[in-house]
Amino acid sequence: MLPYDPIPVLESVGYTEREAAFLYLVALHSGFFLRRQYGRFVRRERGAIAEQLLRRAAALGHLQSIACGQARFVYHLASKEVYTAVGLAASQHRRLKGDAQIKYRLMVLDFVLDHLDDSILDSTDAKVRFFTHTLGLSATVLPQSRAGSAHFFLEEFPILIGEQQSIHFTFFDEGALSTRGFENFLRRYRAVFAALPGFELLYLADSDRNFERAGKVFAAIYPQTRALGVTPMTPRGVDHFLDYLRARENTGMQNRSVTLRDLELLHEGETIYTTLEHQALCAAWKIGSTSVEKIRQRFQQQGPRAKFIPIAMPYRYPLYQLKYERMEKPELGSRHRTGEVPLFEKKVPEKQQLMTGGE
């Protein structure tokens, strides 16, 4: 959590409180927004109120515009100084993205606007803190960029927390031609899904084209998760725990050679299998009072109550062939470097040329 309120920081530059709050949401969740999304935020779909925000942000050099054809634009909050000022200096949202990434980020912002009154885990730190501190899960079950990495939840999809800490994960389909991305997502999240007694996965898209296929993928993977024995105690599956027990056994026997795989398993297991129950199972294995069959039966009967919920989002996204608008002066859509003038020394000009067409 930030040690200060970022909204007054943006207000001090010249934004109104509502404008500052909206830009903070954009910086946190997407980096991109549509004119209609600001209208939804302030509950004013028509009028000049969105134009006022766009003029102000353009004058300060904080926005770049992306022309989508048919006089429609996506606006990109691209100022490094703004992200730094609101405690998001490391955010990649200020970088220009490809069409698909821009679209799913706009979808994420719409989802957040739909749930402003709900409890949302809206940052990586908030997600890690909730799962490890609030729920007491090991960080080893959290989705990582690669095994052993400390970079979690790279998708940056919001997670809803409902009553009695019910958990609603999200996946955003920006119009993919296949479900491969969804399959990869499920595999990355399999350990944390399995560590929970239950969860819902909201599959969000602006078309129902992939709903049936995605539902089948979800249904196919979760019986497999149960069969593999992926549980809070065995986040990498029961076979990994059994291999760990065998590796411990090999290192304690003089006539057995210790392989590199044994050493790898021992290293991994020392950080995963740390509870008193793990120690008891290791001791039982050592004296022969348990077996492969007993351990498999113990863990393979467990599994989360998982629910797949497809949702068609009722919004349009004007992304066809994106054209990056390049201008020489700090007008909306320019490449003018905002870092040339310190953030708090900028002033809003009285007039500013503006592209405000379409959405």
Protein backbone atom coordinates (compact mmCIF):
# COMPACT_ATOMS: atom_id res chain seq x y z
CA MET A 1 0.00 0.00 0.00
CA LEU A 2 1.13 3.54 -0.75
CA PRO A 3 2.18 5.64 2.28
CA TYR A 4 0.23 8.55 0.77
CA ASP A 5 -2.95 9.28 -1.17
CA PRO A 6 -2.06 9.58 -4.88
CA ILE A 7 -5.20 11.56 -5.77
CA PRO A 8 -4.09 14.90 -4.21
CA VAL A 9 -0.73 14.50 -5.97
CA LEU A 10 -2.47 14.59 -9.34
CA GLU A 11 -4.83 17.34 -8.19
CA SER A 12 -1.82 19.53 -7.40
CA VAL A 13 -0.90 19.51 -11.09
CA GLY A 14 -4.28 20.90 -12.11
CA TYR A 15 -6.63 17.90 -12.39
CA THR A 16 -9.97 17.88 -10.62
CA GLU A 17 -10.56 15.24 -7.95
CA ARG A 18 -12.66 13.10 -10.33
CA GLU A 19 -10.10 13.40 -13.11
CA ALA A 20 -7.27 12.47 -10.75
CA ALA A 21 -9.17 9.45 -9.40
CA PHE A 22 -9.91 8.21 -12.93
CA LEU A 23 -6.31 8.63 -14.12
CA TYR A 24 -5.09 6.73 -11.07
CA LEU A 25 -7.41 3.84 -12.00
CA VAL A 26 -6.08 3.95 -15.55
CA ALA A 27 -2.46 3.95 -14.36
CA LEU A 28 -3.11 1.06 -11.98
CA HIS A 29 -5.17 -1.23 -14.24
CA SER A 30 -4.66 -0.52 -17.91
CA GLY A 31 -2.63 2.44 -19.11
CA PHE A 32 -5.23 2.94 -21.87
CA PHE A 33 -8.77 4.28 -21.85
CA LEU A 34 -11.66 5.34 -24.06
CA ARG A 35 -13.59 8.59 -23.83
CA ARG A 36 -16.77 6.68 -22.91
CA GLN A 37 -15.00 5.02 -19.96
CA TYR A 38 -14.39 8.36 -18.30
CA GLY A 39 -18.03 9.19 -18.97
CA ARG A 40 -19.05 5.99 -17.18
CA PHE A 41 -16.77 6.80 -14.25
CA VAL A 42 -18.36 10.21 -13.69
CA ARG A 43 -21.82 8.98 -14.76
CA ARG A 44 -22.01 11.52 -17.57
CA GLU A 45 -22.20 9.91 -20.99
CA ARG A 46 -22.66 13.15 -22.92
CA GLY A 47 -21.36 16.69 -22.70
CA ALA A 48 -17.99 18.38 -22.47
CA ILE A 49 -16.79 16.81 -19.24
CA ALA A 50 -14.62 14.17 -20.97
CA GLU A 51 -13.25 16.81 -23.32
CA GLN A 52 -12.10 18.85 -20.32
CA LEU A 53 -10.06 15.91 -19.01
CA LEU A 54 -8.58 15.21 -22.42
CA ARG A 55 -7.63 18.86 -22.95
CA ARG A 56 -5.99 19.09 -19.55
CA ALA A 57 -4.04 15.84 -19.90
CA ALA A 58 -2.99 16.76 -23.44
CA ALA A 59 -1.78 20.18 -22.35
CA LEU A 60 0.34 18.60 -19.63
CA GLY A 61 1.79 16.13 -22.14
CA HIS A 62 0.46 13.11 -20.24
CA LEU A 63 -1.54 11.46 -23.05
CA GLN A 64 -0.87 9.98 -26.45
CA SER A 65 -3.69 9.15 -28.85
CA ILE A 66 -4.09 6.09 -31.02
CA ALA A 67 -6.32 6.54 -34.04
CA CYS A 68 -8.51 3.55 -34.76
CA GLY A 69 -10.26 4.76 -37.90
CA GLN A 70 -13.75 6.22 -38.29
CA ALA A 71 -12.74 9.19 -36.08
CA ARG A 72 -12.25 6.98 -33.04
CA PHE A 73 -9.35 7.11 -30.61
CA VAL A 74 -7.81 5.20 -27.73
CA TYR A 75 -5.98 7.37 -25.20
CA HIS A 76 -2.73 6.19 -23.66
CA LEU A 77 -1.54 7.51 -20.31
CA ALA A 78 2.14 7.51 -21.20
CA SER A 79 3.82 9.95 -18.83
CA LYS A 80 6.53 8.35 -16.69
CA GLU A 81 6.22 11.20 -14.22
CA VAL A 82 2.53 10.48 -13.63
CA TYR A 83 3.23 6.81 -12.87
CA THR A 84 6.08 7.80 -10.55
CA ALA A 85 3.93 10.37 -8.77
CA VAL A 86 1.23 7.79 -7.97
CA GLY A 87 3.70 5.13 -6.78
CA LEU A 88 3.76 3.06 -9.99
CA ALA A 89 7.19 3.95 -11.34
CA ALA A 90 7.91 0.33 -12.36
CA SER A 91 4.62 -0.09 -14.26
CA GLN A 92 4.82 -1.19 -17.88
CA HIS A 93 1.43 0.38 -18.63
CA ARG A 94 3.09 3.50 -19.98
CA ARG A 95 4.67 1.47 -22.80
CA LEU A 96 2.84 1.32 -26.10
CA LYS A 97 1.34 -2.15 -26.71
CA GLY A 98 0.06 -4.16 -29.63
CA ASP A 99 -3.60 -4.21 -30.66
CA ALA A 100 -4.55 -7.33 -28.67
CA GLN A 101 -2.85 -6.13 -25.48
CA ILE A 102 -4.50 -2.71 -25.73
CA LYS A 103 -7.90 -4.30 -26.18
CA TYR A 104 -7.66 -6.61 -23.18
CA ARG A 105 -6.41 -3.71 -21.04
CA LEU A 106 -9.46 -1.69 -22.07
CA MET A 107 -11.58 -4.72 -21.13
CA VAL A 108 -9.90 -4.87 -17.72
CA LEU A 109 -10.70 -1.19 -17.14
CA ASP A 110 -14.36 -1.77 -18.06
CA PHE A 111 -14.47 -4.69 -15.60
CA VAL A 112 -12.99 -2.53 -12.84
CA LEU A 113 -15.51 0.24 -13.58
CA ASP A 114 -18.27 -2.38 -13.26
CA HIS A 115 -16.98 -3.35 -9.80
CA LEU A 116 -15.94 -0.08 -8.18
CA ASP A 117 -17.97 -0.94 -5.07
CA ASP A 118 -16.50 -4.46 -4.76
CA SER A 119 -13.31 -5.68 -3.15
CA ILE A 120 -10.67 -6.13 -5.86
CA LEU A 121 -7.09 -7.31 -5.57
CA ASP A 122 -5.76 -4.71 -7.96
CA SER A 123 -1.99 -5.06 -7.73
CA THR A 124 0.60 -7.82 -7.55
CA ASP A 125 1.49 -6.88 -3.98
CA ALA A 126 -2.16 -7.01 -2.92
CA LYS A 127 -2.59 -10.46 -4.48
CA VAL A 128 0.58 -11.90 -2.93
CA ARG A 129 -0.35 -10.43 0.47
CA PHE A 130 -3.87 -11.87 0.32
CA PHE A 131 -2.87 -15.40 -0.66
CA THR A 132 0.20 -15.70 1.59
CA HIS A 133 -0.77 -13.62 4.65
CA THR A 134 -4.57 -13.69 4.71
CA LEU A 135 -5.01 -17.27 3.47
CA GLY A 136 -1.64 -18.58 4.67
CA LEU A 137 -0.65 -20.24 1.38
CA SER A 138 2.94 -20.82 0.40
CA ALA A 139 4.32 -18.47 -2.25
CA THR A 140 5.41 -21.58 -4.16
CA VAL A 141 1.81 -22.17 -5.32
CA LEU A 142 1.39 -18.70 -6.81
CA PRO A 143 1.62 -18.30 -10.60
CA GLN A 144 5.13 -17.25 -11.58
CA SER A 145 6.82 -16.14 -14.79
CA ARG A 146 9.10 -19.16 -14.35
CA ALA A 147 9.87 -21.66 -11.60
CA GLY A 148 11.69 -20.07 -8.68
CA SER A 149 10.99 -16.53 -9.88
CA ALA A 150 9.68 -13.86 -7.51
CA HIS A 151 7.54 -12.31 -10.27
CA PHE A 152 3.91 -13.31 -9.62
CA PHE A 153 0.59 -12.75 -11.43
CA LEU A 154 2.16 -11.29 -14.57
CA GLU A 155 -1.21 -11.18 -16.38
CA GLU A 156 -2.36 -8.41 -14.01
CA PHE A 157 -5.95 -9.64 -14.22
CA PRO A 158 -8.04 -8.32 -11.30
CA ILE A 159 -9.28 -10.79 -8.69
CA LEU A 160 -12.62 -10.21 -6.94
CA ILE A 161 -13.00 -11.11 -3.26
CA GLY A 162 -16.60 -11.72 -2.27
CA GLU A 163 -18.41 -12.54 0.95
CA GLN A 164 -16.65 -14.97 3.31
CA GLN A 165 -13.51 -14.51 1.22
CA SER A 166 -14.97 -16.21 -1.85
CA ILE A 167 -12.50 -15.80 -4.71
CA HIS A 168 -13.35 -14.92 -8.31
CA PHE A 169 -10.39 -15.06 -10.70
CA THR A 170 -10.66 -13.43 -14.12
CA PHE A 171 -9.40 -14.24 -17.60
CA PHE A 172 -9.84 -11.78 -20.49
CA ASP A 173 -10.23 -13.07 -24.04
CA GLU A 174 -9.45 -10.18 -26.37
CA GLY A 175 -10.67 -12.12 -29.39
CA ALA A 176 -8.07 -14.87 -29.69
CA LEU A 177 -8.41 -17.35 -32.53
CA SER A 178 -7.71 -20.31 -30.23
CA THR A 179 -7.87 -21.23 -26.54
CA ARG A 180 -4.12 -21.82 -26.26
CA GLY A 181 -3.61 -18.72 -24.13
CA PHE A 182 -6.37 -19.86 -21.79
CA GLU A 183 -4.84 -23.34 -21.50
CA ASN A 184 -1.48 -21.81 -20.58
CA PHE A 185 -3.20 -19.57 -18.03
CA LEU A 186 -4.89 -22.56 -16.37
CA ARG A 187 -1.60 -24.45 -16.12
CA ARG A 188 0.18 -21.47 -14.57
CA TYR A 189 -2.62 -21.07 -12.00
CA ARG A 190 -3.18 -24.78 -11.36
CA ALA A 191 -1.26 -24.91 -8.08
CA VAL A 192 -3.00 -21.91 -6.49
CA PHE A 193 -6.39 -23.11 -7.76
CA ALA A 194 -5.78 -26.51 -6.20
CA ALA A 195 -4.68 -24.96 -2.89
CA LEU A 196 -8.11 -23.38 -2.44
CA PRO A 197 -11.26 -25.14 -1.21
CA GLY A 198 -13.16 -23.51 -4.06
CA PHE A 199 -13.11 -20.65 -6.55
CA GLU A 200 -14.85 -19.20 -9.60
CA LEU A 201 -13.14 -18.30 -12.85
CA LEU A 202 -14.82 -15.51 -14.81
CA TYR A 203 -14.05 -15.87 -18.52
CA LEU A 204 -14.68 -12.42 -20.02
CA ALA A 205 -14.93 -11.62 -23.72
CA ASP A 206 -16.82 -9.28 -26.02
CA SER A 207 -18.02 -12.28 -28.04
CA ASP A 208 -19.22 -15.76 -27.08
CA ARG A 209 -17.19 -17.33 -29.88
CA ASN A 210 -14.76 -19.17 -27.57
CA PHE A 211 -17.10 -19.87 -24.65
CA GLU A 212 -17.84 -23.49 -25.51
CA ARG A 213 -14.23 -24.38 -26.29
CA ALA A 214 -12.92 -22.64 -23.19
CA GLY A 215 -15.50 -24.43 -21.03
CA LYS A 216 -14.35 -27.80 -22.37
CA VAL A 217 -10.71 -26.90 -21.71
CA PHE A 218 -11.54 -25.96 -18.13
CA ALA A 219 -13.56 -29.15 -17.56
CA ALA A 220 -10.77 -31.27 -19.02
CA ILE A 221 -8.02 -29.82 -16.86
CA TYR A 222 -9.73 -29.97 -13.48
CA PRO A 223 -10.35 -33.72 -13.30
CA GLN A 224 -6.68 -33.99 -14.22
CA THR A 225 -5.72 -31.68 -11.36
CA ARG A 226 -7.68 -33.83 -8.94
CA ALA A 227 -6.12 -37.02 -10.31
CA LEU A 228 -2.61 -35.57 -10.04
CA GLY A 229 -3.15 -34.89 -6.35
CA VAL A 230 -2.44 -31.15 -6.49
CA THR A 231 -3.36 -29.91 -3.01
CA PRO A 232 -2.11 -27.27 -0.55
CA MET A 233 0.28 -29.87 0.87
CA THR A 234 1.36 -31.15 -2.56
CA PRO A 235 1.25 -28.02 -4.77
CA ARG A 236 3.29 -29.72 -7.51
CA GLY A 237 1.28 -32.90 -7.44
CA VAL A 238 1.57 -36.11 -5.44
CA ASP A 239 4.17 -37.56 -7.83
CA HIS A 240 6.58 -34.75 -7.01
CA PHE A 241 6.21 -35.46 -3.30
CA LEU A 242 6.78 -39.19 -3.88
CA ASP A 243 9.89 -38.41 -5.94
CA TYR A 244 11.10 -36.20 -3.10
CA LEU A 245 10.66 -39.07 -0.62
CA ARG A 246 12.64 -41.40 -2.91
CA ALA A 247 15.39 -38.79 -3.28
CA ARG A 248 15.67 -38.53 0.52
CA GLU A 249 15.85 -42.30 0.68
CA ASN A 250 18.62 -42.46 -1.93
CA THR A 251 20.80 -39.94 -0.08
CA GLY A 252 20.58 -42.03 3.08
CA MET A 253 21.69 -45.30 1.51
CA GLN A 254 25.37 -46.05 0.98
CA ASN A 255 24.89 -48.31 -2.05
CA ARG A 256 22.71 -45.85 -3.95
CA SER A 257 24.12 -43.19 -6.28
CA VAL A 258 22.66 -39.71 -5.90
CA THR A 259 21.65 -38.15 -9.23
CA LEU A 260 21.38 -34.50 -10.20
CA ARG A 261 17.62 -34.98 -10.26
CA ASP A 262 17.74 -36.20 -6.65
CA LEU A 263 19.64 -33.07 -5.64
CA GLU A 264 17.16 -30.87 -7.48
CA LEU A 265 14.22 -32.59 -5.77
CA LEU A 266 15.82 -32.21 -2.36
CA HIS A 267 16.42 -28.51 -2.97
CA GLU A 268 12.83 -27.94 -4.13
CA GLY A 269 11.33 -30.09 -1.37
CA GLU A 270 13.13 -28.25 1.42
CA THR A 271 11.12 -25.12 0.60
CA ILE A 272 7.78 -26.87 -0.10
CA TYR A 273 7.43 -29.80 2.31
CA THR A 274 7.99 -28.02 5.62
CA THR A 275 4.92 -28.72 7.80
CA LEU A 276 4.69 -31.14 10.71
CA GLU A 277 2.46 -33.34 8.56
CA HIS A 278 5.14 -33.50 5.87
CA GLN A 279 7.71 -34.43 8.51
CA ALA A 280 5.43 -37.19 9.81
CA LEU A 281 4.98 -38.61 6.30
CA CYS A 282 8.74 -38.50 5.70
CA ALA A 283 9.33 -40.39 8.95
CA ALA A 284 6.63 -42.95 8.10
CA TRP A 285 8.17 -43.47 4.65
CA LYS A 286 11.61 -43.98 6.18
CA ILE A 287 10.45 -46.74 8.52
CA GLY A 288 8.14 -48.30 5.93
CA SER A 289 4.83 -47.62 7.69
CA THR A 290 3.35 -45.90 4.64
CA SER A 291 3.43 -46.64 0.91
CA VAL A 292 2.98 -45.14 -2.52
CA GLU A 293 -0.62 -46.35 -2.64
CA LYS A 294 -1.51 -44.84 0.75
CA ILE A 295 0.02 -41.48 -0.11
CA ARG A 296 -1.68 -41.38 -3.50
CA GLN A 297 -5.03 -42.22 -1.93
CA ARG A 298 -4.55 -39.53 0.66
CA PHE A 299 -4.00 -36.68 -1.79
CA GLN A 300 -5.76 -37.73 -4.97
CA GLN A 301 -9.15 -37.66 -3.27
CA GLN A 302 -8.82 -33.94 -2.66
CA GLY A 303 -9.48 -31.11 -5.07
CA PRO A 304 -11.09 -27.67 -5.32
CA ARG A 305 -14.70 -26.89 -6.09
CA ALA A 306 -14.15 -25.02 -9.32
CA LYS A 307 -16.74 -23.13 -11.35
CA PHE A 308 -16.31 -21.73 -14.87
CA ILE A 309 -18.47 -18.67 -15.67
CA PRO A 310 -18.38 -17.21 -19.21
CA ILE A 311 -19.40 -13.54 -19.41
CA ALA A 312 -20.05 -11.55 -22.58
CA MET A 313 -19.06 -7.95 -21.88
CA PRO A 314 -21.58 -5.46 -23.37
CA TYR A 315 -18.97 -2.99 -24.61
CA ARG A 316 -17.42 -2.13 -27.96
CA TYR A 317 -13.71 -1.63 -28.57
CA PRO A 318 -12.74 0.42 -31.64
CA LEU A 319 -9.57 -1.48 -32.47
CA TYR A 320 -9.17 -2.30 -36.12
CA GLN A 321 -5.90 -1.15 -37.59
CA LEU A 322 -4.31 1.03 -34.95
CA LYS A 323 -2.37 3.99 -36.20
CA TYR A 324 -0.03 5.73 -33.81
CA GLU A 325 -0.54 9.47 -34.12
CA ARG A 326 2.73 11.41 -34.18
CA MET A 327 2.73 15.16 -33.70
CA GLU A 328 5.54 17.63 -33.25
CA LYS A 329 3.98 19.61 -30.42
CA PRO A 330 2.54 18.47 -27.08
CA GLU A 331 -0.95 18.07 -28.46
CA LEU A 332 -3.05 15.04 -27.61
CA GLY A 333 -1.38 12.14 -29.34
CA SER A 334 2.11 13.63 -29.45
CA ARG A 335 5.45 12.06 -28.77
CA HIS A 336 6.56 15.13 -26.81
CA ARG A 337 8.70 13.94 -23.89
CA THR A 338 6.96 14.85 -20.67
CA GLY A 339 10.25 14.54 -18.82
CA GLU A 340 11.59 17.71 -20.41
CA VAL A 341 9.66 19.82 -17.89
CA PRO A 342 9.21 18.69 -14.26
CA LEU A 343 5.66 17.53 -13.56
CA PHE A 344 4.92 20.15 -10.94
CA GLU A 345 6.26 23.06 -13.02
CA LYS A 346 3.87 22.48 -15.92
CA LYS A 347 0.89 24.73 -16.45
CA VAL A 348 -2.26 24.07 -18.41
CA PRO A 349 -2.53 26.39 -21.44
CA GLU A 350 -5.84 28.14 -21.94
CA LYS A 351 -6.35 26.57 -25.38
CA GLN A 352 -5.23 23.28 -26.77
CA GLN A 353 -5.91 21.61 -30.09
CA LEU A 354 -7.61 18.29 -29.39
CA MET A 355 -8.68 15.11 -31.15
CA THR A 356 -11.77 13.92 -29.33
CA GLY A 357 -13.71 12.01 -31.95
CA GLY A 358 -15.61 8.78 -31.53
CA GLU A 359 -15.27 6.73 -28.40
